[in-house]
C-alpha atoms as a PDB file:
ATOM      1  CA  MET A   1       3.392 -37.737 -13.723  1.00  0.00           C
ATOM      2  CA  ALA A   2       0.026 -35.894 -13.529  1.00  0.00           C
ATOM      3  CA  ARG A   3      -0.015 -31.823 -13.391  1.00  0.00           C
ATOM      4  CA  PRO A   4      -1.252 -30.306 -10.217  1.00  0.00           C
ATOM      5  CA  VAL A   5      -4.932 -29.602 -10.020  1.00  0.00           C
ATOM      6  CA  ALA A   6      -5.737 -26.111  -9.769  1.00  0.00           C
ATOM      7  CA  ASN A   7      -9.418 -24.235  -8.971  1.00  0.00           C
ATOM      8  CA  PRO A   8     -11.331 -22.657 -11.415  1.00  0.00           C
ATOM      9  CA  GLY A   9     -10.524 -19.229 -12.180  1.00  0.00           C
ATOM     10  CA  SER A  10      -6.948 -19.555 -11.130  1.00  0.00           C
ATOM     11  CA  GLY A  11      -5.809 -20.009 -14.556  1.00  0.00           C
ATOM     12  CA  ALA A  12      -3.208 -22.717 -13.832  1.00  0.00           C
ATOM     13  CA  VAL A  13      -4.685 -25.982 -15.650  1.00  0.00           C
ATOM     14  CA  SER A  14      -7.088 -26.325 -18.241  1.00  0.00           C
ATOM     15  CA  GLY A  15      -9.007 -29.595 -17.948  1.00  0.00           C
ATOM     16  CA  VAL A  16     -12.340 -30.822 -17.000  1.00  0.00           C
ATOM     17  CA  THR A  17     -14.171 -28.921 -14.516  1.00  0.00           C
ATOM     18  CA  PHE A  18     -16.641 -31.068 -11.917  1.00  0.00           C
ATOM     19  CA  ARG A  19     -18.990 -29.297  -9.336  1.00  0.00           C
ATOM     20  CA  ASP A  20     -19.482 -31.100  -6.199  1.00  0.00           C
ATOM     21  CA  THR A  21     -23.142 -31.227  -5.153  1.00  0.00           C
ATOM     22  CA  ALA A  22     -22.154 -32.457  -1.744  1.00  0.00           C
ATOM     23  CA  TYR A  23     -19.445 -30.378  -0.309  1.00  0.00           C
ATOM     24  CA  LYS A  24     -17.696 -27.223  -0.577  1.00  0.00           C
ATOM     25  CA  SER A  25     -14.230 -28.595   0.582  1.00  0.00           C
ATOM     26  CA  ARG A  26     -12.924 -32.024   0.828  1.00  0.00           C
ATOM     27  CA  GLN A  27     -10.321 -34.074  -0.201  1.00  0.00           C
ATOM     28  CA  ILE A  28     -10.489 -36.837  -3.013  1.00  0.00           C
ATOM     29  CA  ILE A  29      -7.715 -39.881  -2.369  1.00  0.00           C
ATOM     30  CA  LEU A  30      -7.285 -42.087  -5.351  1.00  0.00           C
ATOM     31  CA  ASP A  31      -5.954 -45.716  -4.856  1.00  0.00           C
ATOM     32  CA  ASP A  32      -2.604 -44.922  -5.869  1.00  0.00           C
ATOM     33  CA  GLY A  33      -2.479 -42.393  -2.904  1.00  0.00           C
ATOM     34  CA  ARG A  34      -2.446 -39.097  -4.705  1.00  0.00           C
ATOM     35  CA  VAL A  35      -4.414 -36.473  -2.984  1.00  0.00           C
ATOM     36  CA  PHE A  36      -6.684 -33.550  -4.931  1.00  0.00           C
ATOM     37  CA  HIS A  37      -8.576 -31.082  -3.112  1.00  0.00           C
ATOM     38  CA  VAL A  38     -12.176 -29.617  -3.995  1.00  0.00           C
ATOM     39  CA  THR A  39     -12.334 -25.910  -2.933  1.00  0.00           C
ATOM     40  CA  GLY A  40     -15.265 -23.634  -3.337  1.00  0.00           C
ATOM     41  CA  SER A  41     -17.451 -26.774  -4.574  1.00  0.00           C
ATOM     42  CA  SER A  42     -15.392 -27.633  -7.375  1.00  0.00           C
ATOM     43  CA  ILE A  43     -12.319 -29.249  -8.897  1.00  0.00           C
ATOM     44  CA  THR A  44     -10.571 -28.855 -12.336  1.00  0.00           C
ATOM     45  CA  THR A  45      -8.173 -31.452 -13.302  1.00  0.00           C
ATOM     46  CA  ASP A  46      -6.413 -32.897 -16.741  1.00  0.00           C
ATOM     47  CA  ASP A  47      -5.529 -36.174 -14.918  1.00  0.00           C
ATOM     48  CA  PRO A  48      -7.348 -39.075 -16.540  1.00  0.00           C
ATOM     49  CA  ALA A  49      -7.364 -41.060 -13.452  1.00  0.00           C
ATOM     50  CA  LEU A  50      -9.143 -38.380 -11.645  1.00  0.00           C
ATOM     51  CA  ILE A  51     -11.604 -37.501 -14.298  1.00  0.00           C
ATOM     52  CA  ALA A  52     -12.710 -41.108 -14.381  1.00  0.00           C
ATOM     53  CA  HIS A  53     -12.834 -41.336 -10.528  1.00  0.00           C
ATOM     54  CA  LEU A  54     -15.196 -38.266 -10.683  1.00  0.00           C
ATOM     55  CA  ASP A  55     -17.264 -39.411 -13.400  1.00  0.00           C
ATOM     56  CA  ARG A  56     -18.018 -42.506 -11.529  1.00  0.00           C
ATOM     57  CA  HIS A  57     -18.855 -40.800  -8.262  1.00  0.00           C
ATOM     58  CA  GLY A  58     -22.375 -39.494  -7.538  1.00  0.00           C
ATOM     59  CA  ASP A  59     -21.725 -36.077  -6.162  1.00  0.00           C
ATOM     60  CA  PHE A  60     -19.998 -34.997  -8.955  1.00  0.00           C
ATOM     61  CA  GLU A  61     -21.273 -33.100 -11.870  1.00  0.00           C
ATOM     62  CA  ARG A  62     -19.305 -32.460 -14.733  1.00  0.00           C
ATOM     63  CA  MET A  63     -19.302 -28.675 -15.871  1.00  0.00           C
ATOM     64  CA  SER A  64     -16.896 -27.885 -18.528  1.00  0.00           C
ATOM     65  CA  GLU A  65     -14.036 -29.400 -20.656  1.00  0.00           C
ATOM     66  CA  GLY A  66     -11.273 -27.627 -21.819  1.00  0.00           C
ATOM     67  CA  GLY A  67      -9.810 -24.174 -21.388  1.00  0.00           C
END
């Protein structure tokens, strides 16, 4: 099972950080029903399905990888 998503600066999860260029806050719901949250115009994750989704979505810009 995937680890939870954390906001940048929280130090809880190291992974890939994306900047949301359209919204400061929103929910991302994957096809399998899992929900992830964008806060402060960014989201950080190590979940491969979420990373693939965000890479395909035009509103998200990959900012960093690793932690």
